[in-house]
Amino acid sequence: MEQVLVDKVAARILARLNGEAIDTSPRSVVVVFSGAASGFAAGREVVTRLARSPHRLTVMLTPSAKHIFGEHTIRDLGATSIVELEPWVDVSDHVRSADLVLVPTLTMNLVARLALGLMDAATTTLILGALLAGKRVLAARDGADPAGKRGDALGAIPEGSPVLWGLLEERLATIAGFGVELVGKDDFVFRMERLLIAPRGTAARVGTATPTAAIAPRGTIVTATEIRTAAPGSTLRLAAGQRLTPEAVDVAARLGLVLV
């Protein structure tokens, strides 16, 4: 509980320092667990915190998440409203009522379907529908990042298949362009605390770079990796002689970066 209090106080201090308004009214939060093991510890922590808070919590489990983690594990954390995301589940009511959607266990497969805009399953319909409705969506990227935990588990290296590596990075950049806030699993819980006090209807990216911030990559060739975490609408400042790879051009376009 001490860490919970520290995070809540720190979130409010940062908001005040940034000149942001604070709204502490209860929210409706949906936590979606897919089949990635990476990020589950963060997901377990947010469920525990939310279950003990005034916020209204709904936990949704994909079939693979239910198989890997078990519904009883989630109930033991204090969650009482649990929905199994079977193909026939209608998530429309959840999309309309949610203020915040959390995805702590993002997978490469889920990112691929989201990047294509597919609403062929309850999970993608929920996440994409939330974005279309202007709701905040926060996801931990580690389980879907070739440079993250999933890549480590596979022994992935950029030189193994540069084209595939670039494709996986571009898919993450694509869903970030849609409005999904991607953070590392170690930052997930604190970012949730920031979002829970942000006024409703404000810009979705709390704590990320502002549109006026500038990034200045090094080297003659600028890759997608170097710019994929830039905030949409921010400035990409290039030195004389620098040029973008084709993948980087696509990422820059999707993020709406201003090239200087």
C-alpha atoms as a PDB file:
ATOM      1  CA  MET A   1       0.000   0.000   0.000  1.00  0.00           C
ATOM      2  CA  GLU A   2       2.961   2.337   0.558  1.00  0.00           C
ATOM      3  CA  GLN A   3       3.925   2.052  -3.135  1.00  0.00           C
ATOM      4  CA  VAL A   4       0.335   2.729  -4.158  1.00  0.00           C
ATOM      5  CA  LEU A   5       0.325   5.919  -2.094  1.00  0.00           C
ATOM      6  CA  VAL A   6       3.717   6.989  -3.470  1.00  0.00           C
ATOM      7  CA  ASP A   7       2.527   6.489  -7.062  1.00  0.00           C
ATOM      8  CA  LYS A   8      -0.700   8.414  -6.478  1.00  0.00           C
ATOM      9  CA  VAL A   9       1.108  11.334  -4.868  1.00  0.00           C
ATOM     10  CA  ALA A  10       3.820  11.355  -7.563  1.00  0.00           C
ATOM     11  CA  ALA A  11       1.178  11.294 -10.310  1.00  0.00           C
ATOM     12  CA  ARG A  12      -0.522  14.359  -8.832  1.00  0.00           C
ATOM     13  CA  ILE A  13       2.745  16.209  -8.342  1.00  0.00           C
ATOM     14  CA  LEU A  14       3.783  15.611 -11.965  1.00  0.00           C
ATOM     15  CA  ALA A  15       0.378  16.726 -13.183  1.00  0.00           C
ATOM     16  CA  ARG A  16       0.654  19.946 -11.180  1.00  0.00           C
ATOM     17  CA  LEU A  17       4.209  20.581 -12.371  1.00  0.00           C
ATOM     18  CA  ASN A  18       3.024  20.178 -15.971  1.00  0.00           C
ATOM     19  CA  GLY A  19       0.148  22.580 -15.393  1.00  0.00           C
ATOM     20  CA  GLU A  20      -2.448  19.838 -15.904  1.00  0.00           C
ATOM     21  CA  ALA A  21      -5.868  19.837 -14.271  1.00  0.00           C
ATOM     22  CA  ILE A  22      -6.691  16.918 -11.986  1.00  0.00           C
ATOM     23  CA  ASP A  23      -9.948  14.969 -11.837  1.00  0.00           C
ATOM     24  CA  THR A  24     -10.126  12.304  -9.109  1.00  0.00           C
ATOM     25  CA  SER A  25     -13.693  11.175  -9.770  1.00  0.00           C
ATOM     26  CA  PRO A  26     -14.247   7.400 -10.125  1.00  0.00           C
ATOM     27  CA  ARG A  27     -13.703   5.928 -13.593  1.00  0.00           C
ATOM     28  CA  SER A  28     -14.873   2.851 -15.439  1.00  0.00           C
ATOM     29  CA  VAL A  29     -11.785   0.793 -16.296  1.00  0.00           C
ATOM     30  CA  VAL A  30     -11.521  -2.295 -18.496  1.00  0.00           C
ATOM     31  CA  VAL A  31      -8.412  -4.467 -18.146  1.00  0.00           C
ATOM     32  CA  VAL A  32      -7.825  -6.840 -21.067  1.00  0.00           C
ATOM     33  CA  PHE A  33      -5.562  -9.853 -20.646  1.00  0.00           C
ATOM     34  CA  SER A  34      -4.355 -11.587 -23.807  1.00  0.00           C
ATOM     35  CA  GLY A  35      -1.977 -14.549 -23.917  1.00  0.00           C
ATOM     36  CA  ALA A  36       1.401 -12.848 -23.330  1.00  0.00           C
ATOM     37  CA  ALA A  37       3.198 -13.704 -20.095  1.00  0.00           C
ATOM     38  CA  SER A  38       5.192 -10.477 -20.299  1.00  0.00           C
ATOM     39  CA  GLY A  39       3.284  -7.724 -18.562  1.00  0.00           C
ATOM     40  CA  PHE A  40       1.213 -10.036 -16.366  1.00  0.00           C
ATOM     41  CA  ALA A  41       2.897  -8.818 -13.174  1.00  0.00           C
ATOM     42  CA  ALA A  42       1.938  -5.242 -14.089  1.00  0.00           C
ATOM     43  CA  GLY A  43      -1.568  -6.404 -14.959  1.00  0.00           C
ATOM     44  CA  ARG A  44      -1.891  -8.199 -11.651  1.00  0.00           C
ATOM     45  CA  GLU A  45      -0.850  -5.028  -9.832  1.00  0.00           C
ATOM     46  CA  VAL A  46      -3.352  -2.786 -11.644  1.00  0.00           C
ATOM     47  CA  VAL A  47      -6.199  -5.250 -10.987  1.00  0.00           C
ATOM     48  CA  THR A  48      -5.274  -5.377  -7.299  1.00  0.00           C
ATOM     49  CA  ARG A  49      -5.179  -1.580  -7.049  1.00  0.00           C
ATOM     50  CA  LEU A  50      -8.373  -1.010  -8.994  1.00  0.00           C
ATOM     51  CA  ALA A  51     -10.281  -3.687  -7.058  1.00  0.00           C
ATOM     52  CA  ARG A  52      -9.516  -1.781  -3.844  1.00  0.00           C
ATOM     53  CA  SER A  53     -10.344   1.629  -5.304  1.00  0.00           C
ATOM     54  CA  PRO A  54     -13.592   3.533  -5.982  1.00  0.00           C
ATOM     55  CA  HIS A  55     -13.151   2.878  -9.714  1.00  0.00           C
ATOM     56  CA  ARG A  56     -15.431   0.413 -11.492  1.00  0.00           C
ATOM     57  CA  LEU A  57     -13.327  -2.513 -12.740  1.00  0.00           C
ATOM     58  CA  THR A  58     -14.110  -5.030 -15.466  1.00  0.00           C
ATOM     59  CA  VAL A  59     -11.516  -7.664 -16.371  1.00  0.00           C
ATOM     60  CA  MET A  60     -11.676  -9.329 -19.780  1.00  0.00           C
ATOM     61  CA  LEU A  61      -9.855 -12.550 -20.629  1.00  0.00           C
ATOM     62  CA  THR A  62      -9.123 -13.916 -24.080  1.00  0.00           C
ATOM     63  CA  PRO A  63      -9.383 -17.719 -24.329  1.00  0.00           C
ATOM     64  CA  SER A  64      -5.579 -18.001 -24.271  1.00  0.00           C
ATOM     65  CA  ALA A  65      -5.338 -15.712 -21.214  1.00  0.00           C
ATOM     66  CA  LYS A  66      -7.931 -17.803 -19.394  1.00  0.00           C
ATOM     67  CA  HIS A  67      -5.938 -20.941 -20.216  1.00  0.00           C
ATOM     68  CA  ILE A  68      -2.578 -19.460 -19.157  1.00  0.00           C
ATOM     69  CA  PHE A  69      -3.570 -17.457 -16.070  1.00  0.00           C
ATOM     70  CA  GLY A  70      -6.904 -18.936 -15.030  1.00  0.00           C
ATOM     71  CA  GLU A  71     -10.009 -17.008 -14.026  1.00  0.00           C
ATOM     72  CA  HIS A  72      -9.475 -17.973 -10.380  1.00  0.00           C
ATOM     73  CA  THR A  73      -6.148 -16.094 -10.371  1.00  0.00           C
ATOM     74  CA  ILE A  74      -7.905 -12.892 -11.376  1.00  0.00           C
ATOM     75  CA  ARG A  75     -10.697 -13.383  -8.848  1.00  0.00           C
ATOM     76  CA  ASP A  76      -8.123 -13.906  -6.107  1.00  0.00           C
ATOM     77  CA  LEU A  77      -6.833 -10.382  -6.897  1.00  0.00           C
ATOM     78  CA  GLY A  78     -10.237  -8.953  -5.987  1.00  0.00           C
ATOM     79  CA  ALA A  79     -11.916  -8.656  -9.403  1.00  0.00           C
ATOM     80  CA  THR A  80     -15.618  -9.480  -9.345  1.00  0.00           C
ATOM     81  CA  SER A  81     -16.664  -8.531 -12.893  1.00  0.00           C
ATOM     82  CA  ILE A  82     -14.881 -10.885 -15.313  1.00  0.00           C
ATOM     83  CA  VAL A  83     -15.833 -11.334 -18.969  1.00  0.00           C
ATOM     84  CA  GLU A  84     -14.555 -14.093 -21.222  1.00  0.00           C
ATOM     85  CA  LEU A  85     -13.817 -12.664 -24.670  1.00  0.00           C
ATOM     86  CA  GLU A  86     -15.335 -15.446 -26.713  1.00  0.00           C
ATOM     87  CA  PRO A  87     -15.906 -14.706 -30.434  1.00  0.00           C
ATOM     88  CA  TRP A  88     -19.629 -14.131 -29.974  1.00  0.00           C
ATOM     89  CA  VAL A  89     -19.352 -11.646 -27.083  1.00  0.00           C
ATOM     90  CA  ASP A  90     -20.789  -8.193 -27.862  1.00  0.00           C
ATOM     91  CA  VAL A  91     -18.465  -5.600 -26.312  1.00  0.00           C
ATOM     92  CA  SER A  92     -20.426  -2.520 -27.425  1.00  0.00           C
ATOM     93  CA  ASP A  93     -21.756  -1.678 -23.965  1.00  0.00           C
ATOM     94  CA  HIS A  94     -18.284  -1.997 -22.471  1.00  0.00           C
ATOM     95  CA  VAL A  95     -16.837   0.339 -25.099  1.00  0.00           C
ATOM     96  CA  ARG A  96     -19.485   2.976 -24.422  1.00  0.00           C
ATOM     97  CA  SER A  97     -19.150   2.844 -20.649  1.00  0.00           C
ATOM     98  CA  ALA A  98     -15.348   2.577 -20.365  1.00  0.00           C
ATOM     99  CA  ASP A  99     -13.233   5.610 -19.542  1.00  0.00           C
ATOM    100  CA  LEU A 100      -9.956   3.714 -19.822  1.00  0.00           C
ATOM    101  CA  VAL A 101      -8.896   0.425 -21.450  1.00  0.00           C
ATOM    102  CA  LEU A 102      -5.721  -1.230 -20.149  1.00  0.00           C
ATOM    103  CA  VAL A 103      -3.868  -3.972 -22.054  1.00  0.00           C
ATOM    104  CA  PRO A 104      -0.927  -5.145 -19.924  1.00  0.00           C
ATOM    105  CA  THR A 105      -0.213  -8.342 -21.894  1.00  0.00           C
ATOM    106  CA  LEU A 106      -0.052  -7.259 -25.525  1.00  0.00           C
ATOM    107  CA  THR A 107       0.977  -9.987 -28.002  1.00  0.00           C
ATOM    108  CA  MET A 108       2.535  -9.837 -31.459  1.00  0.00           C
ATOM    109  CA  ASN A 109      -0.533 -11.533 -32.894  1.00  0.00           C
ATOM    110  CA  LEU A 110      -2.913  -9.020 -31.314  1.00  0.00           C
ATOM    111  CA  VAL A 111      -0.810  -6.088 -32.542  1.00  0.00           C
ATOM    112  CA  ALA A 112      -0.830  -7.494 -36.086  1.00  0.00           C
ATOM    113  CA  ARG A 113      -4.624  -7.687 -36.127  1.00  0.00           C
ATOM    114  CA  LEU A 114      -5.019  -4.250 -34.564  1.00  0.00           C
ATOM    115  CA  ALA A 115      -2.602  -2.710 -37.082  1.00  0.00           C
ATOM    116  CA  LEU A 116      -4.768  -4.076 -39.894  1.00  0.00           C
ATOM    117  CA  GLY A 117      -7.869  -2.567 -38.297  1.00  0.00           C
ATOM    118  CA  LEU A 118      -9.508  -5.974 -37.977  1.00  0.00           C
ATOM    119  CA  MET A 119     -12.647  -6.193 -35.853  1.00  0.00           C
ATOM    120  CA  ASP A 120     -12.935  -9.933 -36.378  1.00  0.00           C
ATOM    121  CA  ALA A 121     -12.907 -10.815 -32.659  1.00  0.00           C
ATOM    122  CA  ALA A 122     -14.210  -9.390 -29.421  1.00  0.00           C
ATOM    123  CA  THR A 123     -10.734  -8.298 -28.295  1.00  0.00           C
ATOM    124  CA  THR A 124      -9.875  -6.238 -31.374  1.00  0.00           C
ATOM    125  CA  THR A 125     -13.423  -4.863 -31.562  1.00  0.00           C
ATOM    126  CA  LEU A 126     -13.145  -3.690 -27.961  1.00  0.00           C
ATOM    127  CA  ILE A 127      -9.755  -1.982 -28.404  1.00  0.00           C
ATOM    128  CA  LEU A 128     -10.379  -0.449 -31.822  1.00  0.00           C
ATOM    129  CA  GLY A 129     -13.907   0.500 -30.844  1.00  0.00           C
ATOM    130  CA  ALA A 130     -12.570   2.291 -27.760  1.00  0.00           C
ATOM    131  CA  LEU A 131     -10.176   4.276 -29.942  1.00  0.00           C
ATOM    132  CA  LEU A 132     -12.972   5.194 -32.339  1.00  0.00           C
ATOM    133  CA  ALA A 133     -15.048   6.352 -29.379  1.00  0.00           C
ATOM    134  CA  GLY A 134     -12.224   8.601 -28.189  1.00  0.00           C
ATOM    135  CA  LYS A 135     -11.435   6.473 -25.150  1.00  0.00           C
ATOM    136  CA  ARG A 136      -7.944   6.119 -23.720  1.00  0.00           C
ATOM    137  CA  VAL A 137      -6.135   2.851 -24.406  1.00  0.00           C
ATOM    138  CA  LEU A 138      -2.886   2.038 -22.578  1.00  0.00           C
ATOM    139  CA  ALA A 139      -0.834  -1.051 -23.470  1.00  0.00           C
ATOM    140  CA  ALA A 140       2.483  -2.572 -22.373  1.00  0.00           C
ATOM    141  CA  ARG A 141       4.590  -3.134 -25.466  1.00  0.00           C
ATOM    142  CA  ASP A 142       7.098  -5.704 -24.129  1.00  0.00           C
ATOM    143  CA  GLY A 143       5.255  -8.847 -25.209  1.00  0.00           C
ATOM    144  CA  ALA A 144       4.876  -7.578 -28.789  1.00  0.00           C
ATOM    145  CA  ASP A 145       8.224  -5.851 -29.285  1.00  0.00           C
ATOM    146  CA  PRO A 146      10.975  -7.732 -31.140  1.00  0.00           C
ATOM    147  CA  ALA A 147      13.427  -5.755 -29.013  1.00  0.00           C
ATOM    148  CA  GLY A 148      11.480  -6.573 -25.837  1.00  0.00           C
ATOM    149  CA  LYS A 149      10.791  -9.644 -23.736  1.00  0.00           C
ATOM    150  CA  ARG A 150       9.102 -11.600 -26.530  1.00  0.00           C
ATOM    151  CA  GLY A 151      12.064 -11.027 -28.814  1.00  0.00           C
ATOM    152  CA  ASP A 152      14.432 -12.068 -26.029  1.00  0.00           C
ATOM    153  CA  ALA A 153      12.491 -15.287 -25.511  1.00  0.00           C
ATOM    154  CA  LEU A 154      12.866 -16.100 -29.217  1.00  0.00           C
ATOM    155  CA  GLY A 155      16.515 -15.062 -29.356  1.00  0.00           C
ATOM    156  CA  ALA A 156      15.555 -12.461 -31.951  1.00  0.00           C
ATOM    157  CA  ILE A 157      18.166 -10.135 -33.423  1.00  0.00           C
ATOM    158  CA  PRO A 158      17.650  -7.364 -36.003  1.00  0.00           C
ATOM    159  CA  GLU A 159      20.100  -9.054 -38.362  1.00  0.00           C
ATOM    160  CA  GLY A 160      18.140 -12.324 -38.269  1.00  0.00           C
ATOM    161  CA  SER A 161      15.438 -10.981 -40.563  1.00  0.00           C
ATOM    162  CA  PRO A 162      15.678  -7.200 -40.950  1.00  0.00           C
ATOM    163  CA  VAL A 163      12.483  -6.981 -43.015  1.00  0.00           C
ATOM    164  CA  LEU A 164      10.436  -8.936 -40.472  1.00  0.00           C
ATOM    165  CA  TRP A 165      11.966  -6.995 -37.582  1.00  0.00           C
ATOM    166  CA  GLY A 166      11.008  -3.753 -39.307  1.00  0.00           C
ATOM    167  CA  LEU A 167       7.489  -5.024 -39.960  1.00  0.00           C
ATOM    168  CA  LEU A 168       6.941  -5.837 -36.280  1.00  0.00           C
ATOM    169  CA  GLU A 169       8.190  -2.391 -35.310  1.00  0.00           C
ATOM    170  CA  GLU A 170       5.959  -0.736 -37.882  1.00  0.00           C
ATOM    171  CA  ARG A 171       2.902  -2.533 -36.537  1.00  0.00           C
ATOM    172  CA  LEU A 172       3.592  -1.090 -33.096  1.00  0.00           C
ATOM    173  CA  ALA A 173       4.050   2.348 -34.654  1.00  0.00           C
ATOM    174  CA  THR A 174       0.770   1.903 -36.513  1.00  0.00           C
ATOM    175  CA  ILE A 175      -1.324   1.212 -33.423  1.00  0.00           C
ATOM    176  CA  ALA A 176       0.461   4.083 -31.650  1.00  0.00           C
ATOM    177  CA  GLY A 177      -0.679   6.248 -34.549  1.00  0.00           C
ATOM    178  CA  PHE A 178      -4.228   4.982 -34.000  1.00  0.00           C
ATOM    179  CA  GLY A 179      -4.029   6.306 -30.435  1.00  0.00           C
ATOM    180  CA  VAL A 180      -2.829   3.363 -28.340  1.00  0.00           C
ATOM    181  CA  GLU A 181      -0.386   4.569 -25.686  1.00  0.00           C
ATOM    182  CA  LEU A 182       2.528   2.131 -25.633  1.00  0.00           C
ATOM    183  CA  VAL A 183       4.786   1.963 -22.590  1.00  0.00           C
ATOM    184  CA  GLY A 184       7.207  -0.518 -21.075  1.00  0.00           C
ATOM    185  CA  LYS A 185       5.754  -2.894 -18.514  1.00  0.00           C
ATOM    186  CA  ASP A 186       7.818  -1.268 -15.764  1.00  0.00           C
ATOM    187  CA  ASP A 187       6.079   2.060 -16.455  1.00  0.00           C
ATOM    188  CA  PHE A 188       2.598   0.631 -16.951  1.00  0.00           C
ATOM    189  CA  VAL A 189       1.224   0.938 -13.416  1.00  0.00           C
ATOM    190  CA  PHE A 190       2.404   4.509 -12.882  1.00  0.00           C
ATOM    191  CA  ARG A 191       1.082   5.581 -16.292  1.00  0.00           C
ATOM    192  CA  MET A 192      -2.292   4.166 -15.286  1.00  0.00           C
ATOM    193  CA  GLU A 193      -2.224   6.345 -12.154  1.00  0.00           C
ATOM    194  CA  ARG A 194      -1.545   9.387 -14.345  1.00  0.00           C
ATOM    195  CA  LEU A 195      -4.455   8.584 -16.616  1.00  0.00           C
ATOM    196  CA  LEU A 196      -6.841   7.992 -13.731  1.00  0.00           C
ATOM    197  CA  ILE A 197      -6.499  11.617 -12.604  1.00  0.00           C
ATOM    198  CA  ALA A 198      -6.506  13.216 -16.061  1.00  0.00           C
ATOM    199  CA  PRO A 199      -9.722  15.147 -16.804  1.00  0.00           C
ATOM    200  CA  ARG A 200     -12.141  13.341 -19.070  1.00  0.00           C
ATOM    201  CA  GLY A 201     -12.007  14.406 -22.696  1.00  0.00           C
ATOM    202  CA  THR A 202      -8.411  15.659 -22.590  1.00  0.00           C
ATOM    203  CA  ALA A 203      -5.620  14.561 -24.933  1.00  0.00           C
ATOM    204  CA  ALA A 204      -4.841  10.890 -24.520  1.00  0.00           C
ATOM    205  CA  ARG A 205      -1.062  10.963 -24.150  1.00  0.00           C
ATOM    206  CA  VAL A 206      -0.291  11.858 -20.572  1.00  0.00           C
ATOM    207  CA  GLY A 207       3.404  12.004 -19.777  1.00  0.00           C
ATOM    208  CA  THR A 208       4.677  11.518 -23.323  1.00  0.00           C
ATOM    209  CA  ALA A 209       6.490  14.045 -25.490  1.00  0.00           C
ATOM    210  CA  THR A 210       4.439  17.080 -26.482  1.00  0.00           C
ATOM    211  CA  PRO A 211       3.759  17.902 -30.140  1.00  0.00           C
ATOM    212  CA  THR A 212       6.348  20.672 -29.970  1.00  0.00           C
ATOM    213  CA  ALA A 213       9.116  18.400 -28.706  1.00  0.00           C
ATOM    214  CA  ALA A 214      11.863  17.552 -31.181  1.00  0.00           C
ATOM    215  CA  ILE A 215      13.888  14.393 -31.665  1.00  0.00           C
ATOM    216  CA  ALA A 216      17.237  14.448 -33.447  1.00  0.00           C
ATOM    217  CA  PRO A 217      18.401  10.994 -34.577  1.00  0.00           C
ATOM    218  CA  ARG A 218      22.081  10.248 -35.041  1.00  0.00           C
ATOM    219  CA  GLY A 219      23.796   8.701 -38.034  1.00  0.00           C
ATOM    220  CA  THR A 220      23.346   9.213 -41.752  1.00  0.00           C
ATOM    221  CA  ILE A 221      20.543   6.655 -42.097  1.00  0.00           C
ATOM    222  CA  VAL A 222      17.524   7.144 -39.822  1.00  0.00           C
ATOM    223  CA  THR A 223      15.648   3.899 -39.148  1.00  0.00           C
ATOM    224  CA  ALA A 224      12.092   3.215 -37.989  1.00  0.00           C
ATOM    225  CA  THR A 225      13.486   2.052 -34.640  1.00  0.00           C
ATOM    226  CA  GLU A 226      14.861   5.511 -33.883  1.00  0.00           C
ATOM    227  CA  ILE A 227      11.563   7.332 -34.409  1.00  0.00           C
ATOM    228  CA  ARG A 228       8.863   4.808 -33.531  1.00  0.00           C
ATOM    229  CA  THR A 229       8.480   6.101 -29.932  1.00  0.00           C
ATOM    230  CA  ALA A 230       8.100   9.744 -30.990  1.00  0.00           C
ATOM    231  CA  ALA A 231       4.848  11.385 -29.945  1.00  0.00           C
ATOM    232  CA  PRO A 232       2.437  11.822 -32.867  1.00  0.00           C
ATOM    233  CA  GLY A 233       2.740  15.326 -34.279  1.00  0.00           C
ATOM    234  CA  SER A 234       6.185  15.947 -32.791  1.00  0.00           C
ATOM    235  CA  THR A 235       9.169  17.299 -34.716  1.00  0.00           C
ATOM    236  CA  LEU A 236      11.823  15.139 -36.368  1.00  0.00           C
ATOM    237  CA  ARG A 237      14.914  17.295 -36.802  1.00  0.00           C
ATOM    238  CA  LEU A 238      17.320  15.996 -39.457  1.00  0.00           C
ATOM    239  CA  ALA A 239      20.890  17.118 -39.981  1.00  0.00           C
ATOM    240  CA  ALA A 240      22.343  17.796 -43.420  1.00  0.00           C
ATOM    241  CA  GLY A 241      22.893  14.533 -45.274  1.00  0.00           C
ATOM    242  CA  GLN A 242      20.581  12.424 -43.106  1.00  0.00           C
ATOM    243  CA  ARG A 243      17.875  10.387 -44.818  1.00  0.00           C
ATOM    244  CA  LEU A 244      15.085   8.041 -43.761  1.00  0.00           C
ATOM    245  CA  THR A 245      14.760   4.377 -44.618  1.00  0.00           C
ATOM    246  CA  PRO A 246      11.517   3.454 -46.423  1.00  0.00           C
ATOM    247  CA  GLU A 247      10.172   1.967 -43.161  1.00  0.00           C
ATOM    248  CA  ALA A 248      11.053   5.145 -41.289  1.00  0.00           C
ATOM    249  CA  VAL A 249       9.219   7.219 -43.911  1.00  0.00           C
ATOM    250  CA  ASP A 250       6.085   5.132 -43.350  1.00  0.00           C
ATOM    251  CA  VAL A 251       6.364   5.409 -39.553  1.00  0.00           C
ATOM    252  CA  ALA A 252       6.893   9.183 -39.786  1.00  0.00           C
ATOM    253  CA  ALA A 253       3.806   9.482 -41.982  1.00  0.00           C
ATOM    254  CA  ARG A 254       1.638   7.408 -39.656  1.00  0.00           C
ATOM    255  CA  LEU A 255       2.748   9.427 -36.624  1.00  0.00           C
ATOM    256  CA  GLY A 256       2.314  12.727 -38.445  1.00  0.00           C
ATOM    257  CA  LEU A 257       5.860  13.839 -37.626  1.00  0.00           C
ATOM    258  CA  VAL A 258       6.980  17.272 -38.769  1.00  0.00           C
ATOM    259  CA  LEU A 259      10.284  16.943 -40.656  1.00  0.00           C
ATOM    260  CA  VAL A 260      12.739  19.811 -40.185  1.00  0.00           C
END
